[in-house]
Amino acid sequence: MRKSISTAVLFLFFGSSLYAQSVIFEYDEAGNQVFRGICDGCKNSNSDLFSKTQPQASQVKTIAQKVANSVRAAPVPVKTDLTVLWDKEVNDYITKIELLPYNSFKILSFVNVKTLHGTSCIFQMESYPYGVYYLKFYLSDGSVYTRTVTKN
């Protein structure tokens, strides 16, 4: 009798803490996992109870994220001229654009965006060898956004 009571108490003690838990995952644009957590008390996958434990930084867009969403480079792969376009909303955020080869730190070309009157610039790439190049966007908050371009 005593053994059955202690077994029942043991089961109640440990059994009450055992319940189905929902595990949640979040990923960035590149597919990298940025958040993993347990959703306590979630009844279904559509519940918003776990939103309180999410990092607040993922909900606020940084200047680099805004620039990344609004900058376009065409045509890729490039043969002669590379045209870089951006939206008017981020024109004040971009201060300078540099064109660099993949395997070197030598700046091949740069544009001071503050002196431009529009929201585009053209890089003459016909004299550069085939390969991979970086477009580095220097932003007003001190951060740098990089875009990769291929020349054929």
N, C-alpha and C. Protein backbone atom coordinates (compact mmCIF):
# COMPACT_ATOMS: atom_id res chain seq x y z
N MET A 1 0.82 -1.19 0.00
CA MET A 1 0.00 0.00 0.00
C MET A 1 0.87 1.26 0.00
N ARG A 2 1.90 1.24 0.85
CA ARG A 2 2.77 2.39 0.96
C ARG A 2 3.52 2.63 -0.37
N LYS A 3 3.90 1.52 -1.04
CA LYS A 3 4.60 1.64 -2.31
C LYS A 3 3.68 2.22 -3.39
N SER A 4 2.43 1.86 -3.41
CA SER A 4 1.51 2.39 -4.40
C SER A 4 1.21 3.87 -4.17
N ILE A 5 1.18 4.30 -2.92
CA ILE A 5 0.96 5.72 -2.61
C ILE A 5 2.18 6.53 -3.04
N SER A 6 3.38 6.05 -2.75
CA SER A 6 4.59 6.78 -3.14
C SER A 6 4.73 6.82 -4.67
N THR A 7 4.31 5.77 -5.34
CA THR A 7 4.34 5.76 -6.80
C THR A 7 3.34 6.76 -7.36
N ALA A 8 2.18 6.84 -6.76
CA ALA A 8 1.16 7.79 -7.20
C ALA A 8 1.62 9.22 -6.98
N VAL A 9 2.23 9.50 -5.82
CA VAL A 9 2.73 10.85 -5.54
C VAL A 9 3.86 11.19 -6.51
N LEU A 10 4.74 10.24 -6.76
CA LEU A 10 5.83 10.47 -7.69
C LEU A 10 5.30 10.75 -9.10
N PHE A 11 4.29 10.00 -9.52
CA PHE A 11 3.69 10.23 -10.83
C PHE A 11 3.02 11.60 -10.90
N LEU A 12 2.31 12.01 -9.87
CA LEU A 12 1.66 13.32 -9.85
C LEU A 12 2.69 14.45 -9.88
N PHE A 13 3.80 14.24 -9.17
CA PHE A 13 4.83 15.29 -9.12
C PHE A 13 5.50 15.47 -10.49
N PHE A 14 5.95 14.37 -11.09
CA PHE A 14 6.64 14.46 -12.37
C PHE A 14 5.68 14.50 -13.56
N GLY A 15 4.54 13.88 -13.43
CA GLY A 15 3.57 13.85 -14.51
C GLY A 15 2.94 15.19 -14.78
N SER A 16 2.84 16.03 -13.76
CA SER A 16 2.23 17.35 -13.97
C SER A 16 3.13 18.27 -14.78
N SER A 17 4.43 17.99 -14.77
CA SER A 17 5.34 18.84 -15.54
C SER A 17 5.52 18.36 -16.98
N LEU A 18 4.98 17.17 -17.27
CA LEU A 18 5.09 16.64 -18.63
C LEU A 18 3.85 17.00 -19.42
N TYR A 19 4.03 17.81 -20.43
CA TYR A 19 2.94 18.17 -21.33
C TYR A 19 3.55 18.48 -22.68
N ALA A 20 2.73 18.51 -23.70
CA ALA A 20 3.21 18.77 -25.04
C ALA A 20 3.67 20.22 -25.15
N GLN A 21 4.86 20.41 -25.65
CA GLN A 21 5.40 21.74 -25.84
C GLN A 21 5.52 22.02 -27.33
N SER A 22 5.30 23.26 -27.69
CA SER A 22 5.47 23.66 -29.08
C SER A 22 6.81 24.36 -29.22
N VAL A 23 7.58 23.92 -30.18
CA VAL A 23 8.87 24.54 -30.46
C VAL A 23 8.69 25.42 -31.68
N ILE A 24 9.16 26.65 -31.59
CA ILE A 24 9.02 27.59 -32.69
C ILE A 24 10.39 27.94 -33.24
N PHE A 25 10.45 28.17 -34.55
CA PHE A 25 11.69 28.54 -35.24
C PHE A 25 11.40 29.74 -36.11
N GLU A 26 12.39 30.62 -36.25
CA GLU A 26 12.30 31.72 -37.20
C GLU A 26 13.59 31.78 -37.99
N TYR A 27 13.47 32.18 -39.27
CA TYR A 27 14.60 32.20 -40.18
C TYR A 27 14.70 33.56 -40.86
N ASP A 28 15.94 33.96 -41.22
CA ASP A 28 16.11 35.20 -41.97
C ASP A 28 15.96 34.92 -43.46
N GLU A 29 16.22 35.94 -44.30
CA GLU A 29 16.01 35.82 -45.73
C GLU A 29 16.91 34.77 -46.37
N ALA A 30 18.10 34.54 -45.80
CA ALA A 30 19.04 33.58 -46.37
C ALA A 30 18.79 32.15 -45.88
N GLY A 31 17.82 31.96 -45.00
CA GLY A 31 17.52 30.63 -44.50
C GLY A 31 18.25 30.27 -43.22
N ASN A 32 18.96 31.22 -42.62
CA ASN A 32 19.66 30.96 -41.37
C ASN A 32 18.69 31.06 -40.21
N GLN A 33 18.81 30.15 -39.26
CA GLN A 33 17.93 30.18 -38.10
C GLN A 33 18.34 31.31 -37.17
N VAL A 34 17.41 32.20 -36.85
CA VAL A 34 17.71 33.35 -36.00
C VAL A 34 17.04 33.25 -34.64
N PHE A 35 16.02 32.39 -34.50
CA PHE A 35 15.34 32.25 -33.23
C PHE A 35 14.80 30.84 -33.08
N ARG A 36 15.01 30.25 -31.90
CA ARG A 36 14.43 28.96 -31.55
C ARG A 36 13.98 29.06 -30.11
N GLY A 37 12.74 28.68 -29.86
CA GLY A 37 12.23 28.79 -28.50
C GLY A 37 11.05 27.87 -28.28
N ILE A 38 10.70 27.73 -27.00
CA ILE A 38 9.56 26.91 -26.61
C ILE A 38 8.40 27.84 -26.32
N CYS A 39 7.26 27.50 -26.86
CA CYS A 39 6.06 28.29 -26.67
C CYS A 39 5.25 27.63 -25.56
N ASP A 40 5.38 28.12 -24.35
CA ASP A 40 4.62 27.57 -23.23
C ASP A 40 3.18 28.02 -23.32
N GLY A 41 2.27 27.08 -23.25
CA GLY A 41 0.85 27.40 -23.25
C GLY A 41 0.24 27.61 -24.61
N CYS A 42 0.98 27.34 -25.68
CA CYS A 42 0.40 27.49 -27.02
C CYS A 42 -0.55 26.34 -27.28
N LYS A 43 -1.75 26.64 -27.67
CA LYS A 43 -2.74 25.61 -27.99
C LYS A 43 -2.63 25.18 -29.45
N ASN A 44 -2.26 26.14 -30.32
CA ASN A 44 -2.08 25.82 -31.74
C ASN A 44 -0.95 26.66 -32.28
N SER A 45 -0.58 26.41 -33.51
CA SER A 45 0.57 27.10 -34.11
C SER A 45 0.25 28.55 -34.45
N ASN A 46 -1.02 28.96 -34.43
CA ASN A 46 -1.38 30.33 -34.78
C ASN A 46 -1.41 31.25 -33.57
N SER A 47 -1.04 30.75 -32.40
CA SER A 47 -1.11 31.56 -31.19
C SER A 47 0.00 32.60 -31.18
N ASP A 48 -0.29 33.75 -30.62
CA ASP A 48 0.69 34.84 -30.55
C ASP A 48 1.36 34.92 -29.19
N LEU A 49 1.28 33.89 -28.37
CA LEU A 49 1.87 33.94 -27.04
C LEU A 49 3.38 34.03 -27.07
N PHE A 50 4.01 33.48 -28.12
CA PHE A 50 5.47 33.49 -28.16
C PHE A 50 6.04 34.80 -28.66
N SER A 51 5.23 35.71 -29.13
CA SER A 51 5.75 36.96 -29.69
C SER A 51 6.40 37.84 -28.62
N LYS A 52 6.09 37.61 -27.36
CA LYS A 52 6.71 38.39 -26.29
C LYS A 52 8.15 37.98 -26.07
N THR A 53 8.51 36.74 -26.44
CA THR A 53 9.87 36.27 -26.24
C THR A 53 10.75 36.49 -27.46
N GLN A 54 10.18 37.01 -28.54
CA GLN A 54 10.98 37.26 -29.73
C GLN A 54 11.91 38.44 -29.49
N PRO A 55 13.08 38.43 -30.11
CA PRO A 55 13.94 39.60 -30.03
C PRO A 55 13.30 40.79 -30.71
N GLN A 56 13.34 41.93 -30.07
CA GLN A 56 12.72 43.13 -30.62
C GLN A 56 13.45 43.66 -31.83
N ALA A 57 14.73 43.32 -31.99
CA ALA A 57 15.51 43.83 -33.12
C ALA A 57 14.98 43.32 -34.45
N SER A 58 14.38 42.12 -34.45
CA SER A 58 13.89 41.59 -35.71
C SER A 58 12.63 42.30 -36.17
N GLN A 59 11.94 43.00 -35.28
CA GLN A 59 10.71 43.68 -35.64
C GLN A 59 10.98 45.09 -36.17
N VAL A 60 12.13 45.67 -35.86
CA VAL A 60 12.48 47.01 -36.30
C VAL A 60 13.48 46.90 -37.45
N LYS A 61 13.18 47.56 -38.57
CA LYS A 61 14.09 47.52 -39.71
C LYS A 61 15.23 48.51 -39.51
N THR A 62 16.45 48.05 -39.75
CA THR A 62 17.60 48.93 -39.69
C THR A 62 17.75 49.64 -41.03
N ILE A 63 18.63 50.61 -41.06
CA ILE A 63 18.89 51.34 -42.31
C ILE A 63 19.45 50.39 -43.36
N ALA A 64 20.33 49.48 -42.95
CA ALA A 64 20.91 48.53 -43.91
C ALA A 64 19.83 47.62 -44.51
N GLN A 65 18.84 47.22 -43.71
CA GLN A 65 17.77 46.39 -44.24
C GLN A 65 16.89 47.18 -45.21
N LYS A 66 16.64 48.44 -44.90
CA LYS A 66 15.85 49.27 -45.81
C LYS A 66 16.58 49.46 -47.13
N VAL A 67 17.89 49.70 -47.06
CA VAL A 67 18.69 49.87 -48.28
C VAL A 67 18.73 48.57 -49.07
N ALA A 68 18.89 47.44 -48.38
CA ALA A 68 18.95 46.15 -49.06
C ALA A 68 17.66 45.87 -49.83
N ASN A 69 16.53 46.30 -49.29
CA ASN A 69 15.25 46.05 -49.96
C ASN A 69 14.99 47.00 -51.12
N SER A 70 15.71 48.13 -51.18
CA SER A 70 15.40 49.12 -52.21
C SER A 70 16.48 49.28 -53.28
N VAL A 71 17.64 48.66 -53.11
CA VAL A 71 18.73 48.79 -54.09
C VAL A 71 18.62 47.68 -55.13
N ARG A 72 18.79 48.08 -56.40
CA ARG A 72 18.77 47.13 -57.51
C ARG A 72 20.00 47.38 -58.39
N ALA A 73 20.60 46.30 -58.85
CA ALA A 73 21.74 46.39 -59.77
C ALA A 73 21.40 45.56 -61.00
N ALA A 74 21.58 46.15 -62.18
CA ALA A 74 21.21 45.45 -63.42
C ALA A 74 22.14 45.88 -64.53
N PRO A 75 22.44 45.12 -65.50
CA PRO A 75 22.14 43.69 -65.61
C PRO A 75 23.18 42.88 -64.86
N VAL A 76 22.77 41.76 -64.33
CA VAL A 76 23.70 40.83 -63.68
C VAL A 76 23.50 39.50 -64.35
N PRO A 77 24.50 38.90 -64.97
CA PRO A 77 25.90 39.32 -65.04
C PRO A 77 26.11 40.50 -65.99
N VAL A 78 27.10 41.29 -65.67
CA VAL A 78 27.41 42.52 -66.40
C VAL A 78 28.35 42.21 -67.56
N LYS A 79 28.16 42.92 -68.66
CA LYS A 79 29.12 42.83 -69.77
C LYS A 79 29.87 44.15 -69.93
N THR A 80 29.15 45.27 -69.95
CA THR A 80 29.81 46.57 -70.15
C THR A 80 29.47 47.56 -69.05
N ASP A 81 28.20 47.91 -68.90
CA ASP A 81 27.80 48.94 -67.94
C ASP A 81 26.89 48.34 -66.87
N LEU A 82 27.19 48.67 -65.62
CA LEU A 82 26.36 48.25 -64.49
C LEU A 82 25.56 49.44 -64.00
N THR A 83 24.26 49.32 -63.99
CA THR A 83 23.39 50.38 -63.51
C THR A 83 22.90 50.02 -62.11
N VAL A 84 23.09 50.94 -61.18
CA VAL A 84 22.64 50.76 -59.80
C VAL A 84 21.52 51.75 -59.55
N LEU A 85 20.36 51.23 -59.11
CA LEU A 85 19.18 52.06 -58.84
C LEU A 85 18.77 51.88 -57.38
N TRP A 86 18.20 52.92 -56.79
CA TRP A 86 17.65 52.83 -55.44
C TRP A 86 16.44 53.74 -55.33
N ASP A 87 15.61 53.49 -54.35
CA ASP A 87 14.39 54.26 -54.15
C ASP A 87 14.70 55.61 -53.51
N LYS A 88 13.80 56.57 -53.71
CA LYS A 88 13.98 57.91 -53.13
C LYS A 88 13.96 57.89 -51.61
N GLU A 89 13.25 56.92 -51.01
CA GLU A 89 13.14 56.86 -49.55
C GLU A 89 14.49 56.63 -48.87
N VAL A 90 15.42 55.95 -49.56
CA VAL A 90 16.72 55.65 -48.96
C VAL A 90 17.83 56.51 -49.53
N ASN A 91 17.49 57.48 -50.34
CA ASN A 91 18.52 58.33 -50.97
C ASN A 91 19.35 59.08 -49.93
N ASP A 92 18.73 59.50 -48.83
CA ASP A 92 19.46 60.24 -47.79
C ASP A 92 20.33 59.31 -46.94
N TYR A 93 20.05 58.02 -46.96
CA TYR A 93 20.82 57.08 -46.14
C TYR A 93 22.14 56.67 -46.79
N ILE A 94 22.21 56.66 -48.12
CA ILE A 94 23.42 56.22 -48.83
C ILE A 94 24.33 57.41 -49.02
N THR A 95 25.59 57.29 -48.56
CA THR A 95 26.54 58.39 -48.71
C THR A 95 27.53 58.15 -49.85
N LYS A 96 27.98 56.88 -50.01
CA LYS A 96 28.99 56.58 -51.03
C LYS A 96 28.84 55.14 -51.48
N ILE A 97 29.15 54.87 -52.76
CA ILE A 97 29.13 53.51 -53.32
C ILE A 97 30.50 53.23 -53.92
N GLU A 98 31.09 52.09 -53.57
CA GLU A 98 32.38 51.69 -54.11
C GLU A 98 32.25 50.37 -54.87
N LEU A 99 33.06 50.23 -55.91
CA LEU A 99 33.14 48.98 -56.67
C LEU A 99 34.50 48.37 -56.43
N LEU A 100 34.53 47.15 -55.88
CA LEU A 100 35.78 46.47 -55.54
C LEU A 100 35.80 45.08 -56.15
N PRO A 101 36.98 44.58 -56.59
CA PRO A 101 37.05 43.19 -57.02
C PRO A 101 37.00 42.25 -55.83
N TYR A 102 36.61 41.02 -56.07
CA TYR A 102 36.44 40.02 -55.02
C TYR A 102 37.73 39.73 -54.27
N ASN A 103 38.84 39.64 -54.97
CA ASN A 103 40.10 39.19 -54.37
C ASN A 103 41.09 40.33 -54.11
N SER A 104 40.61 41.55 -53.96
CA SER A 104 41.51 42.67 -53.75
C SER A 104 40.80 43.74 -52.93
N PHE A 105 41.60 44.62 -52.35
CA PHE A 105 41.05 45.75 -51.61
C PHE A 105 41.14 47.04 -52.41
N LYS A 106 41.61 46.95 -53.63
CA LYS A 106 41.77 48.11 -54.50
C LYS A 106 40.39 48.59 -54.98
N ILE A 107 40.10 49.84 -54.74
CA ILE A 107 38.83 50.42 -55.17
C ILE A 107 38.94 50.76 -56.65
N LEU A 108 38.10 50.13 -57.47
CA LEU A 108 38.15 50.37 -58.90
C LEU A 108 37.40 51.64 -59.29
N SER A 109 36.29 51.89 -58.62
CA SER A 109 35.47 53.05 -58.94
C SER A 109 34.61 53.38 -57.72
N PHE A 110 34.27 54.66 -57.56
CA PHE A 110 33.36 55.03 -56.47
C PHE A 110 32.51 56.21 -56.91
N VAL A 111 31.37 56.35 -56.24
CA VAL A 111 30.43 57.43 -56.53
C VAL A 111 30.03 58.05 -55.20
N ASN A 112 30.14 59.37 -55.12
CA ASN A 112 29.65 60.09 -53.95
C ASN A 112 28.17 60.41 -54.21
N VAL A 113 27.30 59.77 -53.49
CA VAL A 113 25.87 59.87 -53.74
C VAL A 113 25.34 61.26 -53.42
N LYS A 114 25.96 61.95 -52.50
CA LYS A 114 25.49 63.30 -52.11
C LYS A 114 25.61 64.29 -53.27
N THR A 115 26.53 64.04 -54.21
CA THR A 115 26.69 64.95 -55.34
C THR A 115 25.80 64.59 -56.53
N LEU A 116 25.15 63.42 -56.48
CA LEU A 116 24.25 63.01 -57.56
C LEU A 116 22.91 63.73 -57.43
N HIS A 117 22.25 63.93 -58.55
CA HIS A 117 20.94 64.58 -58.54
C HIS A 117 19.81 63.57 -58.66
N GLY A 118 20.12 62.32 -58.96
CA GLY A 118 19.09 61.31 -59.14
C GLY A 118 19.26 60.17 -58.17
N THR A 119 18.58 59.08 -58.47
CA THR A 119 18.65 57.90 -57.62
C THR A 119 19.23 56.72 -58.40
N SER A 120 20.25 56.99 -59.21
CA SER A 120 20.91 55.93 -59.96
C SER A 120 22.33 56.36 -60.31
N CYS A 121 23.16 55.37 -60.61
CA CYS A 121 24.51 55.65 -61.11
C CYS A 121 24.92 54.49 -62.01
N ILE A 122 25.89 54.74 -62.88
CA ILE A 122 26.36 53.74 -63.84
C ILE A 122 27.85 53.54 -63.64
N PHE A 123 28.27 52.28 -63.51
CA PHE A 123 29.68 51.94 -63.42
C PHE A 123 30.10 51.34 -64.76
N GLN A 124 31.16 51.91 -65.37
CA GLN A 124 31.72 51.40 -66.63
C GLN A 124 32.62 50.22 -66.29
N MET A 125 32.22 49.01 -66.67
CA MET A 125 32.97 47.81 -66.30
C MET A 125 33.56 47.07 -67.49
N GLU A 126 33.51 47.67 -68.69
CA GLU A 126 33.98 46.94 -69.87
C GLU A 126 35.47 46.67 -69.84
N SER A 127 36.26 47.50 -69.18
CA SER A 127 37.71 47.30 -69.15
C SER A 127 38.16 46.38 -68.00
N TYR A 128 37.26 45.97 -67.14
CA TYR A 128 37.63 45.11 -66.01
C TYR A 128 37.56 43.64 -66.42
N PRO A 129 38.42 42.80 -65.84
CA PRO A 129 38.40 41.37 -66.19
C PRO A 129 37.15 40.67 -65.65
N TYR A 130 36.91 39.47 -66.19
CA TYR A 130 35.78 38.67 -65.73
C TYR A 130 35.97 38.32 -64.27
N GLY A 131 34.86 38.17 -63.54
CA GLY A 131 34.96 37.76 -62.15
C GLY A 131 33.84 38.32 -61.30
N VAL A 132 34.06 38.24 -60.00
CA VAL A 132 33.07 38.68 -59.01
C VAL A 132 33.53 40.01 -58.42
N TYR A 133 32.60 40.92 -58.27
CA TYR A 133 32.87 42.26 -57.73
C TYR A 133 31.89 42.57 -56.61
N TYR A 134 32.30 43.45 -55.72
CA TYR A 134 31.44 43.89 -54.63
C TYR A 134 31.04 45.35 -54.85
N LEU A 135 29.77 45.63 -54.60
CA LEU A 135 29.30 47.01 -54.49
C LEU A 135 29.14 47.28 -53.00
N LYS A 136 29.92 48.21 -52.47
CA LYS A 136 29.83 48.55 -51.05
C LYS A 136 29.09 49.86 -50.90
N PHE A 137 28.00 49.83 -50.17
CA PHE A 137 27.19 51.01 -49.92
C PHE A 137 27.51 51.50 -48.51
N TYR A 138 28.08 52.70 -48.39
CA TYR A 138 28.35 53.29 -47.09
C TYR A 138 27.12 54.10 -46.68
N LEU A 139 26.61 53.82 -45.49
CA LEU A 139 25.35 54.40 -45.05
C LEU A 139 25.57 55.49 -44.01
N SER A 140 24.56 56.32 -43.83
CA SER A 140 24.68 57.49 -42.96
C SER A 140 24.86 57.13 -41.49
N ASP A 141 24.46 55.93 -41.06
CA ASP A 141 24.64 55.54 -39.66
C ASP A 141 25.99 54.88 -39.41
N GLY A 142 26.86 54.83 -40.43
CA GLY A 142 28.19 54.26 -40.28
C GLY A 142 28.28 52.80 -40.70
N SER A 143 27.17 52.17 -41.00
CA SER A 143 27.20 50.77 -41.42
C SER A 143 27.48 50.67 -42.91
N VAL A 144 27.79 49.46 -43.34
CA VAL A 144 28.12 49.20 -44.74
C VAL A 144 27.26 48.04 -45.23
N TYR A 145 26.61 48.21 -46.37
CA TYR A 145 25.83 47.15 -47.01
C TYR A 145 26.59 46.74 -48.27
N THR A 146 26.74 45.43 -48.49
CA THR A 146 27.51 44.91 -49.63
C THR A 146 26.61 44.07 -50.53
N ARG A 147 26.74 44.30 -51.83
CA ARG A 147 26.00 43.53 -52.84
C ARG A 147 27.03 42.93 -53.77
N THR A 148 26.85 41.68 -54.18
CA THR A 148 27.76 40.98 -55.07
C THR A 148 27.28 41.06 -56.50
N VAL A 149 28.22 41.31 -57.43
CA VAL A 149 27.92 41.43 -58.85
C VAL A 149 28.92 40.58 -59.62
N THR A 150 28.45 39.92 -60.69
CA THR A 150 29.32 39.09 -61.52
C THR A 150 29.48 39.74 -62.88
N LYS A 151 30.73 39.69 -63.41
CA LYS A 151 31.00 40.21 -64.75
C LYS A 151 31.39 39.05 -65.65
N ASN A 152 30.70 38.96 -66.80
CA ASN A 152 31.01 37.94 -67.81
C ASN A 152 31.66 38.56 -69.01
